[in-house]
Amino acid sequence: MRILFVTFLFLAPYFMFAQSAAQKYIDTYSPLALEVMEKYQIPPSLVLGIALHESASGTSKLCRTKHNHFGVKGRVKSSKSKSGYITTYRTFETDEAAYLHIGEMISKRKYYPGLKGDMDYMKWLKAMKASGYARSSSWISIIDKAIKRYDLTRLDKPSAPPVIHVPSPRDTLIRVK
């Protein structure tokens, strides 16, 4: 029993950090995911779920040094290997550039016209996996768990503008006692 308690004491800060890092990441980058939704009609839950995983909640070296939240690779045109061009991770000027790039990249795929505007992130995950976006057999499951864990689908619902009532001269005020 004592060993279990000591183990918990050592591991608890790690889990609290992981939770707070992910929540901080979501709070910081959800506006960018919403921008991708507005421009490309891709679910923000999908975009944030992928970014959370690929960037380790913004803590990966790639994310911190190159603003690359999605593990996007690019070709080095000056270098060629036996199998073709050498690839390296892309550097983005800003975080916003990385988010907009992922939206643009997805919008050029064959599955995009059929899913554009559909906020069912699972359909998008399956289409992306089928098109070769990720090679891991557990990729869909990992992203799905992140989306559910942090309730990212709440961002997929279009928010209605607030209704503001402007009183007209004909409105009457009623006093409630």
C-alpha atoms as a PDB file:
ATOM      1  CA  MET A   1       0.000   0.000   0.000  1.00  0.00           C
ATOM      2  CA  ARG A   2       2.816   2.363   0.882  1.00  0.00           C
ATOM      3  CA  ILE A   3       4.543   1.692  -2.460  1.00  0.00           C
ATOM      4  CA  LEU A   4       1.345   2.504  -4.321  1.00  0.00           C
ATOM      5  CA  PHE A   5       0.972   5.786  -2.434  1.00  0.00           C
ATOM      6  CA  VAL A   6       4.593   6.803  -3.082  1.00  0.00           C
ATOM      7  CA  THR A   7       4.217   5.933  -6.762  1.00  0.00           C
ATOM      8  CA  PHE A   8       1.111   8.089  -6.938  1.00  0.00           C
ATOM      9  CA  LEU A   9       2.942  11.010  -5.329  1.00  0.00           C
ATOM     10  CA  PHE A  10       5.691  10.828  -7.946  1.00  0.00           C
ATOM     11  CA  LEU A  11       3.373  10.440 -10.932  1.00  0.00           C
ATOM     12  CA  ALA A  12       0.628  12.899  -9.942  1.00  0.00           C
ATOM     13  CA  PRO A  13       2.555  16.051 -10.989  1.00  0.00           C
ATOM     14  CA  TYR A  14       3.224  14.505 -14.400  1.00  0.00           C
ATOM     15  CA  PHE A  15      -0.455  13.876 -15.043  1.00  0.00           C
ATOM     16  CA  MET A  16      -1.445  17.307 -13.751  1.00  0.00           C
ATOM     17  CA  PHE A  17       1.139  18.920 -16.069  1.00  0.00           C
ATOM     18  CA  ALA A  18      -0.104  16.915 -19.047  1.00  0.00           C
ATOM     19  CA  GLN A  19      -3.691  17.946 -18.354  1.00  0.00           C
ATOM     20  CA  SER A  20      -2.845  21.593 -17.895  1.00  0.00           C
ATOM     21  CA  ALA A  21      -0.526  21.680 -20.940  1.00  0.00           C
ATOM     22  CA  ALA A  22      -3.256  20.243 -23.157  1.00  0.00           C
ATOM     23  CA  GLN A  23      -5.911  22.595 -21.783  1.00  0.00           C
ATOM     24  CA  LYS A  24      -3.592  25.572 -22.165  1.00  0.00           C
ATOM     25  CA  TYR A  25      -2.891  24.504 -25.751  1.00  0.00           C
ATOM     26  CA  ILE A  26      -6.617  24.231 -26.498  1.00  0.00           C
ATOM     27  CA  ASP A  27      -7.323  27.629 -24.957  1.00  0.00           C
ATOM     28  CA  THR A  28      -4.490  29.227 -26.939  1.00  0.00           C
ATOM     29  CA  TYR A  29      -5.050  27.642 -30.348  1.00  0.00           C
ATOM     30  CA  SER A  30      -8.811  27.076 -30.566  1.00  0.00           C
ATOM     31  CA  PRO A  31      -9.251  30.491 -32.250  1.00  0.00           C
ATOM     32  CA  LEU A  32      -6.910  29.313 -35.028  1.00  0.00           C
ATOM     33  CA  ALA A  33      -8.849  26.063 -35.398  1.00  0.00           C
ATOM     34  CA  LEU A  34     -12.049  28.108 -35.664  1.00  0.00           C
ATOM     35  CA  GLU A  35     -10.385  30.256 -38.327  1.00  0.00           C
ATOM     36  CA  VAL A  36      -9.623  27.075 -40.301  1.00  0.00           C
ATOM     37  CA  MET A  37     -13.286  26.077 -39.930  1.00  0.00           C
ATOM     38  CA  GLU A  38     -14.489  29.434 -41.241  1.00  0.00           C
ATOM     39  CA  LYS A  39     -12.122  29.445 -44.210  1.00  0.00           C
ATOM     40  CA  TYR A  40     -12.116  25.744 -45.183  1.00  0.00           C
ATOM     41  CA  GLN A  41     -15.217  24.298 -43.441  1.00  0.00           C
ATOM     42  CA  ILE A  42     -13.176  21.644 -41.635  1.00  0.00           C
ATOM     43  CA  PRO A  43     -14.197  20.679 -38.072  1.00  0.00           C
ATOM     44  CA  PRO A  44     -12.090  22.545 -35.501  1.00  0.00           C
ATOM     45  CA  SER A  45     -12.226  19.467 -33.261  1.00  0.00           C
ATOM     46  CA  LEU A  46     -10.372  17.533 -35.965  1.00  0.00           C
ATOM     47  CA  VAL A  47      -7.758  20.252 -36.445  1.00  0.00           C
ATOM     48  CA  LEU A  48      -7.133  20.663 -32.697  1.00  0.00           C
ATOM     49  CA  GLY A  49      -7.159  16.914 -32.063  1.00  0.00           C
ATOM     50  CA  ILE A  50      -4.467  16.347 -34.691  1.00  0.00           C
ATOM     51  CA  ALA A  51      -2.449  19.327 -33.461  1.00  0.00           C
ATOM     52  CA  LEU A  52      -2.637  18.167 -29.832  1.00  0.00           C
ATOM     53  CA  HIS A  53      -1.248  14.789 -30.828  1.00  0.00           C
ATOM     54  CA  GLU A  54       1.370  15.903 -33.362  1.00  0.00           C
ATOM     55  CA  SER A  55       2.722  18.765 -31.252  1.00  0.00           C
ATOM     56  CA  ALA A  56       2.502  17.000 -27.867  1.00  0.00           C
ATOM     57  CA  SER A  57       0.200  19.797 -26.697  1.00  0.00           C
ATOM     58  CA  GLY A  58       2.613  22.401 -28.008  1.00  0.00           C
ATOM     59  CA  THR A  59       5.599  21.048 -26.084  1.00  0.00           C
ATOM     60  CA  SER A  60       7.423  19.292 -28.940  1.00  0.00           C
ATOM     61  CA  LYS A  61      10.668  20.802 -30.185  1.00  0.00           C
ATOM     62  CA  LEU A  62       9.258  20.914 -33.717  1.00  0.00           C
ATOM     63  CA  CYS A  63       6.308  22.984 -32.549  1.00  0.00           C
ATOM     64  CA  ARG A  64       8.365  25.306 -30.355  1.00  0.00           C
ATOM     65  CA  THR A  65      11.166  25.978 -32.833  1.00  0.00           C
ATOM     66  CA  LYS A  66       9.465  25.738 -36.232  1.00  0.00           C
ATOM     67  CA  HIS A  67       5.816  26.577 -35.428  1.00  0.00           C
ATOM     68  CA  ASN A  68       4.994  23.193 -36.997  1.00  0.00           C
ATOM     69  CA  HIS A  69       1.964  21.908 -35.071  1.00  0.00           C
ATOM     70  CA  PHE A  70       1.087  19.104 -37.503  1.00  0.00           C
ATOM     71  CA  GLY A  71       4.374  17.391 -38.347  1.00  0.00           C
ATOM     72  CA  VAL A  72       4.198  18.710 -41.905  1.00  0.00           C
ATOM     73  CA  LYS A  73       7.137  17.712 -44.054  1.00  0.00           C
ATOM     74  CA  GLY A  74       8.494  19.419 -47.138  1.00  0.00           C
ATOM     75  CA  ARG A  75      10.977  18.512 -49.820  1.00  0.00           C
ATOM     76  CA  VAL A  76      14.496  19.875 -49.951  1.00  0.00           C
ATOM     77  CA  LYS A  77      14.786  20.606 -53.662  1.00  0.00           C
ATOM     78  CA  SER A  78      18.555  21.012 -53.608  1.00  0.00           C
ATOM     79  CA  SER A  79      19.077  17.528 -52.202  1.00  0.00           C
ATOM     80  CA  LYS A  80      18.208  14.261 -53.845  1.00  0.00           C
ATOM     81  CA  SER A  81      18.496  10.740 -52.493  1.00  0.00           C
ATOM     82  CA  LYS A  82      18.345   7.442 -54.339  1.00  0.00           C
ATOM     83  CA  SER A  83      14.595   7.203 -53.692  1.00  0.00           C
ATOM     84  CA  GLY A  84      13.828  10.823 -54.643  1.00  0.00           C
ATOM     85  CA  TYR A  85      13.951  14.145 -52.835  1.00  0.00           C
ATOM     86  CA  ILE A  86      15.009  14.333 -49.213  1.00  0.00           C
ATOM     87  CA  THR A  87      12.244  15.490 -46.879  1.00  0.00           C
ATOM     88  CA  THR A  88      12.510  17.583 -43.771  1.00  0.00           C
ATOM     89  CA  TYR A  89      10.029  19.142 -41.390  1.00  0.00           C
ATOM     90  CA  ARG A  90       8.717  22.478 -42.618  1.00  0.00           C
ATOM     91  CA  THR A  91       9.261  25.713 -40.782  1.00  0.00           C
ATOM     92  CA  PHE A  92       6.378  28.160 -40.547  1.00  0.00           C
ATOM     93  CA  GLU A  93       6.717  31.853 -39.796  1.00  0.00           C
ATOM     94  CA  THR A  94       3.833  31.790 -37.305  1.00  0.00           C
ATOM     95  CA  ASP A  95       1.453  29.388 -35.617  1.00  0.00           C
ATOM     96  CA  GLU A  96      -1.361  30.834 -37.703  1.00  0.00           C
ATOM     97  CA  ALA A  97       0.555  30.011 -40.896  1.00  0.00           C
ATOM     98  CA  ALA A  98       0.817  26.372 -39.777  1.00  0.00           C
ATOM     99  CA  TYR A  99      -2.910  26.151 -39.041  1.00  0.00           C
ATOM    100  CA  LEU A 100      -3.892  27.780 -42.324  1.00  0.00           C
ATOM    101  CA  HIS A 101      -1.478  25.505 -44.196  1.00  0.00           C
ATOM    102  CA  ILE A 102      -3.134  22.373 -42.800  1.00  0.00           C
ATOM    103  CA  GLY A 103      -6.514  23.714 -43.933  1.00  0.00           C
ATOM    104  CA  GLU A 104      -5.171  24.468 -47.394  1.00  0.00           C
ATOM    105  CA  MET A 105      -3.441  21.093 -47.586  1.00  0.00           C
ATOM    106  CA  ILE A 106      -6.623  19.213 -46.654  1.00  0.00           C
ATOM    107  CA  SER A 107      -8.683  21.315 -49.080  1.00  0.00           C
ATOM    108  CA  LYS A 108      -6.575  19.984 -51.971  1.00  0.00           C
ATOM    109  CA  ARG A 109      -7.320  16.311 -51.244  1.00  0.00           C
ATOM    110  CA  LYS A 110      -9.795  14.215 -53.235  1.00  0.00           C
ATOM    111  CA  TYR A 111     -12.031  13.566 -50.219  1.00  0.00           C
ATOM    112  CA  TYR A 112     -12.415  17.274 -49.390  1.00  0.00           C
ATOM    113  CA  PRO A 113     -15.341  18.216 -51.699  1.00  0.00           C
ATOM    114  CA  GLY A 114     -17.462  15.370 -50.312  1.00  0.00           C
ATOM    115  CA  LEU A 115     -16.778  16.299 -46.680  1.00  0.00           C
ATOM    116  CA  LYS A 116     -16.569  20.098 -46.886  1.00  0.00           C
ATOM    117  CA  GLY A 117     -18.916  21.549 -44.285  1.00  0.00           C
ATOM    118  CA  ASP A 118     -19.579  18.170 -42.616  1.00  0.00           C
ATOM    119  CA  MET A 119     -18.721  18.507 -38.918  1.00  0.00           C
ATOM    120  CA  ASP A 120     -18.481  14.742 -38.287  1.00  0.00           C
ATOM    121  CA  TYR A 121     -14.773  14.555 -37.423  1.00  0.00           C
ATOM    122  CA  MET A 122     -14.755  10.738 -37.612  1.00  0.00           C
ATOM    123  CA  LYS A 123     -15.595  10.833 -41.336  1.00  0.00           C
ATOM    124  CA  TRP A 124     -12.660  13.199 -41.827  1.00  0.00           C
ATOM    125  CA  LEU A 125     -10.297  11.001 -39.803  1.00  0.00           C
ATOM    126  CA  LYS A 126     -11.197   7.929 -41.839  1.00  0.00           C
ATOM    127  CA  ALA A 127     -10.824   9.779 -45.147  1.00  0.00           C
ATOM    128  CA  MET A 128      -7.476  11.250 -44.099  1.00  0.00           C
ATOM    129  CA  LYS A 129      -6.187   7.866 -42.965  1.00  0.00           C
ATOM    130  CA  ALA A 130      -7.344   6.208 -46.200  1.00  0.00           C
ATOM    131  CA  SER A 131      -5.569   8.882 -48.239  1.00  0.00           C
ATOM    132  CA  GLY A 132      -2.264   8.204 -46.479  1.00  0.00           C
ATOM    133  CA  TYR A 133      -2.116  11.167 -44.075  1.00  0.00           C
ATOM    134  CA  ALA A 134      -0.989   8.882 -41.233  1.00  0.00           C
ATOM    135  CA  ARG A 135       0.640   5.472 -41.314  1.00  0.00           C
ATOM    136  CA  SER A 136       0.028   4.376 -37.741  1.00  0.00           C
ATOM    137  CA  SER A 137      -2.755   1.824 -37.367  1.00  0.00           C
ATOM    138  CA  SER A 138      -3.826   3.497 -34.111  1.00  0.00           C
ATOM    139  CA  TRP A 139      -3.822   7.090 -35.434  1.00  0.00           C
ATOM    140  CA  ILE A 140      -7.612   7.385 -35.701  1.00  0.00           C
ATOM    141  CA  SER A 141      -8.063   5.996 -32.199  1.00  0.00           C
ATOM    142  CA  ILE A 142      -5.473   8.374 -30.705  1.00  0.00           C
ATOM    143  CA  ILE A 143      -7.035  11.477 -32.276  1.00  0.00           C
ATOM    144  CA  ASP A 144     -10.560  10.285 -31.405  1.00  0.00           C
ATOM    145  CA  LYS A 145      -9.590   9.847 -27.738  1.00  0.00           C
ATOM    146  CA  ALA A 146      -8.074  13.345 -27.593  1.00  0.00           C
ATOM    147  CA  ILE A 147     -11.180  14.887 -29.143  1.00  0.00           C
ATOM    148  CA  LYS A 148     -13.449  13.087 -26.672  1.00  0.00           C
ATOM    149  CA  ARG A 149     -11.197  13.639 -23.643  1.00  0.00           C
ATOM    150  CA  TYR A 150     -11.182  17.414 -24.092  1.00  0.00           C
ATOM    151  CA  ASP A 151     -14.727  17.661 -25.511  1.00  0.00           C
ATOM    152  CA  LEU A 152     -13.420  19.379 -28.633  1.00  0.00           C
ATOM    153  CA  THR A 153     -16.674  18.760 -30.515  1.00  0.00           C
ATOM    154  CA  ARG A 154     -18.118  21.692 -28.585  1.00  0.00           C
ATOM    155  CA  LEU A 155     -16.170  23.863 -31.042  1.00  0.00           C
ATOM    156  CA  ASP A 156     -17.843  22.233 -34.063  1.00  0.00           C
ATOM    157  CA  LYS A 157     -21.218  23.748 -33.361  1.00  0.00           C
ATOM    158  CA  PRO A 158     -21.690  27.047 -35.142  1.00  0.00           C
ATOM    159  CA  SER A 159     -22.178  29.727 -32.575  1.00  0.00           C
ATOM    160  CA  ALA A 160     -25.136  31.913 -33.221  1.00  0.00           C
ATOM    161  CA  PRO A 161     -24.516  35.621 -32.906  1.00  0.00           C
ATOM    162  CA  PRO A 162     -25.916  37.041 -29.712  1.00  0.00           C
ATOM    163  CA  VAL A 163     -29.418  38.393 -30.013  1.00  0.00           C
ATOM    164  CA  ILE A 164     -29.498  42.013 -29.013  1.00  0.00           C
ATOM    165  CA  HIS A 165     -32.863  43.604 -28.559  1.00  0.00           C
ATOM    166  CA  VAL A 166     -32.930  47.247 -29.509  1.00  0.00           C
ATOM    167  CA  PRO A 167     -35.999  48.834 -27.943  1.00  0.00           C
ATOM    168  CA  SER A 168     -38.295  50.658 -30.302  1.00  0.00           C
ATOM    169  CA  PRO A 169     -40.363  53.683 -29.300  1.00  0.00           C
ATOM    170  CA  ARG A 170     -43.463  51.437 -29.212  1.00  0.00           C
ATOM    171  CA  ASP A 171     -41.980  49.067 -26.592  1.00  0.00           C
ATOM    172  CA  THR A 172     -43.441  49.438 -23.139  1.00  0.00           C
ATOM    173  CA  LEU A 173     -41.752  48.613 -19.924  1.00  0.00           C
ATOM    174  CA  ILE A 174     -43.580  46.450 -17.461  1.00  0.00           C
ATOM    175  CA  ARG A 175     -42.647  46.626 -13.845  1.00  0.00           C
ATOM    176  CA  VAL A 176     -42.420  43.237 -12.177  1.00  0.00           C
ATOM    177  CA  LYS A 177     -43.108  43.151  -8.446  1.00  0.00           C
END
